[in-house]
Protein backbone atom coordinates (compact mmCIF):
# COMPACT_ATOMS: atom_id res chain seq x y z
CA UNK A 1 161.16 85.39 110.96
CA UNK A 2 161.31 84.02 114.49
CA UNK A 3 164.60 82.46 115.52
CA UNK A 4 163.14 79.86 117.85
CA UNK A 5 164.81 76.60 116.88
CA UNK A 6 161.93 74.56 118.33
CA UNK A 7 159.64 76.03 115.67
CA UNK A 8 162.09 75.09 112.95
CA UNK A 9 162.53 71.60 114.35
CA UNK A 10 158.79 71.04 114.30
CA UNK A 11 158.59 72.32 110.72
CA UNK A 12 161.44 70.13 109.51
CA UNK A 13 160.13 66.96 111.14
CA UNK A 14 156.36 67.36 110.84
CA UNK A 15 155.62 70.11 108.29
CA UNK A 16 151.89 69.42 107.89
CA UNK A 17 151.29 69.41 111.64
CA UNK A 18 153.37 72.58 111.96
CA UNK A 19 151.34 74.23 109.19
CA UNK A 20 148.05 73.37 110.91
CA UNK A 21 149.23 74.79 114.22
CA UNK A 22 150.70 77.90 112.60
CA UNK A 23 147.47 78.71 110.76
CA UNK A 24 145.52 78.11 113.98
CA UNK A 25 147.70 80.53 115.95
CA UNK A 26 147.53 83.20 113.25
CA UNK A 27 143.74 82.96 112.97
CA UNK A 28 143.39 83.06 116.76
CA UNK A 29 145.62 86.13 117.04
CA UNK A 30 143.91 87.88 114.15
CA UNK A 31 140.36 87.31 115.36
CA UNK A 32 140.80 87.77 119.10
CA UNK A 33 143.24 90.65 119.40
CA UNK A 34 142.33 94.06 120.78
CA UNK A 35 140.69 95.19 117.54
CA UNK A 36 137.60 93.02 118.24
CA UNK A 37 137.68 91.59 114.71
CA UNK A 38 135.65 88.50 115.59
CA UNK A 39 132.97 90.56 117.31
CA UNK A 40 132.78 92.89 114.32
CA UNK A 41 132.62 89.96 111.91
CA UNK A 42 129.80 88.31 113.84
CA UNK A 43 127.95 91.61 114.09
CA UNK A 44 128.30 92.25 110.36
CA UNK A 45 127.21 88.71 109.47
CA UNK A 46 124.21 88.90 111.78
CA UNK A 47 123.13 92.26 110.37
CA UNK A 48 123.39 90.92 106.85
CA UNK A 49 121.34 87.85 107.74
CA UNK A 50 118.82 89.98 109.63
CA UNK A 51 118.29 92.28 106.65
CA UNK A 52 117.91 89.32 104.28
CA UNK A 53 115.27 87.71 106.49
CA UNK A 54 113.40 91.00 106.90
CA UNK A 55 113.44 91.39 103.14
CA UNK A 56 112.07 87.86 102.74
CA UNK A 57 109.28 88.68 105.21
CA UNK A 58 108.37 91.83 103.28
CA UNK A 59 108.53 90.24 99.82
CA UNK A 60 106.50 87.22 100.91
CA UNK A 61 103.83 89.47 102.39
CA UNK A 62 103.59 91.58 99.23
CA UNK A 63 103.26 88.51 97.02
CA UNK A 64 100.63 86.75 99.10
CA UNK A 65 98.38 89.45 100.53
CA UNK A 66 96.65 90.25 97.22
CA UNK A 67 96.22 86.66 96.10
CA UNK A 68 92.52 85.90 95.63
CA UNK A 69 92.92 82.38 94.29
CA UNK A 70 94.17 80.83 97.52
CA UNK A 71 92.56 80.66 100.94
CA UNK A 72 95.52 79.00 102.67
CA UNK A 73 97.52 82.21 102.61
CA UNK A 74 99.63 81.32 105.64
CA UNK A 75 100.84 78.18 103.90
CA UNK A 76 101.49 80.15 100.73
CA UNK A 77 103.34 82.85 102.70
CA UNK A 78 105.59 80.24 104.28
CA UNK A 79 106.31 78.76 100.85
CA UNK A 80 107.36 82.15 99.52
CA UNK A 81 109.34 82.94 102.67
CA UNK A 82 111.43 79.77 102.38
CA UNK A 83 111.90 80.33 98.65
CA UNK A 84 113.22 83.86 99.22
CA UNK A 85 115.79 82.55 101.70
CA UNK A 86 117.00 79.64 99.58
CA UNK A 87 120.37 81.26 98.81
CA UNK A 88 120.77 82.78 102.27
CA UNK A 89 120.18 80.02 104.80
CA UNK A 90 119.09 76.40 104.80
CA UNK A 91 115.52 76.60 106.11
CA UNK A 92 113.52 73.44 105.37
CA UNK A 93 109.85 74.19 104.72
CA UNK A 94 108.94 71.22 106.92
CA UNK A 95 110.36 73.05 109.95
CA UNK A 96 107.58 75.65 109.67
CA UNK A 97 104.60 73.31 109.51
CA UNK A 98 103.73 74.11 113.11
CA UNK A 99 102.98 77.72 112.19
CA UNK A 100 100.47 77.01 109.44
CA UNK A 101 98.52 74.68 111.73
CA UNK A 102 98.06 77.31 114.44
CA UNK A 103 94.43 78.38 114.17
CA UNK A 104 95.07 81.87 115.51
CA UNK A 105 97.49 82.61 112.66
CA UNK A 106 95.26 83.66 109.77
CA UNK A 107 96.24 87.28 109.14
CA UNK A 108 99.25 87.65 106.85
CA UNK A 109 99.96 91.19 108.04
CA UNK A 110 99.92 89.97 111.64
CA UNK A 111 102.28 87.12 110.77
CA UNK A 112 104.62 89.56 109.07
CA UNK A 113 104.70 91.94 112.05
CA UNK A 114 105.13 89.11 114.55
CA UNK A 115 108.03 87.70 112.55
CA UNK A 116 109.75 91.10 112.33
CA UNK A 117 109.36 91.72 116.07
CA UNK A 118 110.67 88.26 116.94
CA UNK A 119 113.66 88.77 114.65
CA UNK A 120 114.53 92.11 116.23
CA UNK A 121 114.38 90.59 119.71
CA UNK A 122 116.52 87.62 118.70
CA UNK A 123 119.06 89.92 117.06
CA UNK A 124 119.43 91.97 120.25
CA UNK A 125 119.94 88.86 122.37
CA UNK A 126 122.55 87.46 120.03
CA UNK A 127 124.46 90.75 119.87
CA UNK A 128 124.83 90.71 123.65
CA UNK A 129 126.75 87.44 123.37
CA UNK A 130 129.25 88.66 120.77
CA UNK A 131 131.72 90.44 123.12
CA UNK A 132 132.47 87.13 124.86
CA UNK A 133 132.46 84.98 121.73
CA UNK A 134 135.41 82.85 120.71
CA UNK A 135 136.17 80.57 117.78
CA UNK A 136 134.68 77.51 119.49
CA UNK A 137 131.22 78.66 118.41
CA UNK A 138 131.98 77.87 114.76
CA UNK A 139 130.77 74.44 113.57
CA UNK A 140 133.93 74.23 111.45
CA UNK A 141 136.99 75.98 112.76
CA UNK A 142 138.19 78.83 110.50
CA UNK A 143 141.80 77.68 110.66
CA UNK A 144 140.78 74.20 109.48
CA UNK A 145 138.98 75.69 106.47
CA UNK A 146 141.99 77.87 105.65
CA UNK A 147 144.44 75.01 106.06
CA UNK A 148 142.40 72.82 103.72
CA UNK A 149 142.18 75.64 101.19
CA UNK A 150 145.92 76.24 101.09
CA UNK A 151 146.99 72.65 101.58
CA UNK A 152 148.74 70.86 98.73
CA UNK A 153 150.89 67.75 98.60
CA UNK A 154 152.72 67.06 101.86
CA UNK A 155 155.12 64.42 100.57
CA UNK A 156 158.65 65.04 101.82
CA UNK A 157 161.79 64.37 99.83
CA UNK A 158 163.23 61.14 101.28
CA UNK A 159 166.71 62.68 101.24
CA UNK A 160 166.32 66.24 102.54
CA UNK A 161 162.74 66.45 103.83
CA UNK A 162 161.72 69.35 101.57
CA UNK A 163 158.03 69.37 100.66
CA UNK A 164 156.65 68.59 97.22
CA UNK A 165 155.43 71.80 95.58
CA UNK A 166 152.48 70.24 93.77
CA UNK A 167 149.30 72.02 94.86
CA UNK A 168 147.17 68.88 94.57
CA UNK A 169 147.08 66.04 97.06
CA UNK A 170 147.27 62.54 95.58
CA UNK A 171 148.50 63.93 92.26
CA UNK A 172 149.47 61.54 89.48
CA UNK A 173 152.84 62.98 88.48
CA UNK A 174 156.07 62.44 90.39
CA UNK A 175 156.76 64.55 93.43
CA UNK A 176 159.17 67.39 92.78
CA UNK A 177 160.25 70.80 94.00
CA UNK A 178 162.44 73.67 92.90
CA UNK A 179 165.01 73.85 95.71
CA UNK A 180 166.27 70.95 97.78
CA UNK A 181 167.93 71.41 101.17
CA UNK A 182 171.16 70.24 102.81
CA UNK A 183 170.73 66.63 103.91
CA UNK A 184 172.06 67.66 107.32
CA UNK A 185 168.63 69.07 108.12
CA UNK A 186 167.37 65.49 108.37
CA UNK A 187 170.39 64.39 110.39
CA UNK A 188 172.16 62.53 107.57
CA UNK A 189 175.86 61.86 108.17
CA UNK A 190 178.61 60.51 105.95
CA UNK A 191 178.85 56.75 106.32
CA UNK A 192 180.98 55.63 109.23
CA UNK A 193 181.35 59.17 110.63
CA UNK A 194 179.46 61.70 112.70
CA UNK A 195 180.00 64.33 110.00
CA UNK A 196 176.77 65.88 108.75
CA UNK A 197 176.10 66.05 105.01
CA UNK A 198 175.71 69.65 103.84
CA UNK A 199 175.22 68.69 100.18
CA UNK A 200 171.78 68.91 98.58
CA UNK A 201 170.17 65.94 96.85
CA UNK A 202 169.82 67.74 93.52
CA UNK A 203 173.62 68.02 93.35
CA UNK A 204 174.23 64.54 94.77
CA UNK A 205 172.26 62.97 91.89
CA UNK A 206 174.96 64.26 89.53
CA UNK A 207 177.78 62.70 91.56
CA UNK A 208 179.27 59.22 91.69
CA UNK A 209 178.38 58.87 95.37
CA UNK A 210 176.07 56.24 96.81
CA UNK A 211 173.46 56.11 99.57
CA UNK A 212 171.43 53.56 101.43
CA UNK A 213 168.24 53.66 103.49
CA UNK A 214 167.84 51.76 106.76
CA UNK A 215 170.98 49.68 106.29
CA UNK A 216 169.78 48.49 102.91
CA UNK A 217 171.92 48.05 99.83
CA UNK A 218 174.09 50.83 98.49
CA UNK A 219 172.61 52.63 95.49
CA UNK A 220 174.23 55.31 93.30
CA UNK A 221 172.52 58.67 93.71
CA UNK A 222 172.29 58.80 89.92
CA UNK A 223 169.98 55.77 90.11
CA UNK A 224 168.08 56.81 93.24
CA UNK A 225 164.81 55.49 91.81
CA UNK A 226 166.21 51.97 92.12
CA UNK A 227 165.67 52.31 95.87
CA UNK A 228 161.93 51.99 95.30
CA UNK A 229 159.27 54.02 97.13
CA UNK A 230 159.38 56.70 98.32
CA UNK A 231 162.53 57.63 96.37
CA UNK A 232 161.14 56.23 93.12
CA UNK A 233 158.11 58.54 93.35
CA UNK A 234 160.31 61.64 93.18
CA UNK A 235 161.73 63.52 90.22
CA UNK A 236 164.97 65.11 91.40
CA UNK A 237 166.42 67.28 88.67
CA UNK A 238 170.19 67.90 88.67
CA UNK A 239 170.82 71.34 90.14
CA UNK A 240 173.72 72.48 92.30
CA UNK A 241 172.13 75.77 93.39
CA UNK A 242 171.15 76.06 97.03
CA UNK A 243 168.98 78.75 98.56
CA UNK A 244 170.82 81.29 100.67
CA UNK A 245 168.19 80.80 103.35
CA UNK A 246 169.29 77.25 104.15
CA UNK A 247 172.94 78.25 104.08
CA UNK A 248 172.15 80.92 106.66
CA UNK A 249 170.00 78.50 108.64
CA UNK A 250 172.68 75.80 108.86
CA UNK A 251 175.32 78.34 109.83
CA UNK A 252 173.09 80.17 112.31
CA UNK A 253 171.70 77.07 114.03
CA UNK A 254 174.86 75.00 113.79
CA UNK A 255 175.06 74.15 117.49
CA UNK A 256 171.37 73.29 117.77
CA UNK A 257 171.52 70.98 114.75
CA UNK A 258 174.65 69.28 116.07
CA UNK A 259 172.97 68.72 119.44
CA UNK A 260 169.74 67.51 117.83
CA UNK A 261 171.46 64.86 115.73
CA UNK A 262 174.50 64.22 117.93
CA UNK A 263 176.74 64.90 114.95
CA UNK A 264 179.18 67.57 113.77
CA UNK A 265 179.64 70.02 110.92
CA UNK A 266 183.25 69.09 110.36
CA UNK A 267 185.40 67.16 107.93
CA UNK A 268 183.34 66.54 104.80
CA UNK A 269 180.51 68.46 106.47
CA UNK A 270 182.48 71.61 107.25
CA UNK A 271 180.30 74.69 106.76
CA UNK A 272 181.85 77.06 104.17
CA UNK A 273 182.89 80.43 105.57
CA UNK A 274 180.79 82.16 102.92
CA UNK A 275 177.64 80.72 104.49
CA UNK A 276 178.43 82.45 107.75
CA UNK A 277 178.58 85.83 106.02
CA UNK A 278 175.00 85.60 104.78
CA UNK A 279 172.77 87.88 106.83
CA UNK A 280 169.30 86.98 107.97
CA UNK A 281 167.85 89.77 105.83
CA UNK A 282 169.65 88.48 102.74
CA UNK A 283 168.34 85.00 103.43
CA UNK A 284 164.76 86.19 103.89
CA UNK A 285 164.80 88.52 100.89
CA UNK A 286 165.51 85.54 98.64
CA UNK A 287 162.27 83.93 99.81
CA UNK A 288 160.08 86.92 98.85
């Protein structure tokens, strides 16, 4: 809902990069605001892990202490301990070999108590660090995980820059989307003029007009696939409907867009008066 044109410019030009930064900012604000969410999350996670490990200590002790068929009870206890924690943490049994080879460790009850005391001490020390914790302590940044989870195809329409709505990257089918945008958002002007194109590609493909990329040959919009990739990888269905949001956007940020592309909304690119009457709330409500 912000009306900072720099944000919009970044989104229009580099949507994937904008998305990554936006998610990062939102996660940062959510976790590190005055509500101490990150500290509470770390505290909750630590308590959960602490209880699971204590439970593993107790269960392992109960299983092993009455075993009469094994003399190497420490080794057996460590086996059970690692098995109990299999679904909680990755604790290789080989990391605990040093314990079973300590001659003074022969009493299972002693081992159990020592482990519980060490855990309690470690928990206290870790909790003291939580108030000053930040997201850098995570091996994988939360915003990166979220961005990967919500990320789909980032292909942009070669005409208007709108993003493919397919939720899978490297999908087999053609790129497509529901609503295209005015070509002016990518700085497109009518040939030989500085007049921005306010038409959308899904209506242009029904016209008798032509286009060309990078001073190439002129191609009818109706046969846009003849231009080859990336145009040929898109399925642009004929549709003259345009979202109210982009009508409001073009009208509201007219001067900024003209300055950005050194072009004008005049002549064939004149903005209809009706666009200027669309309120921000009306534009946003259509996106809900």
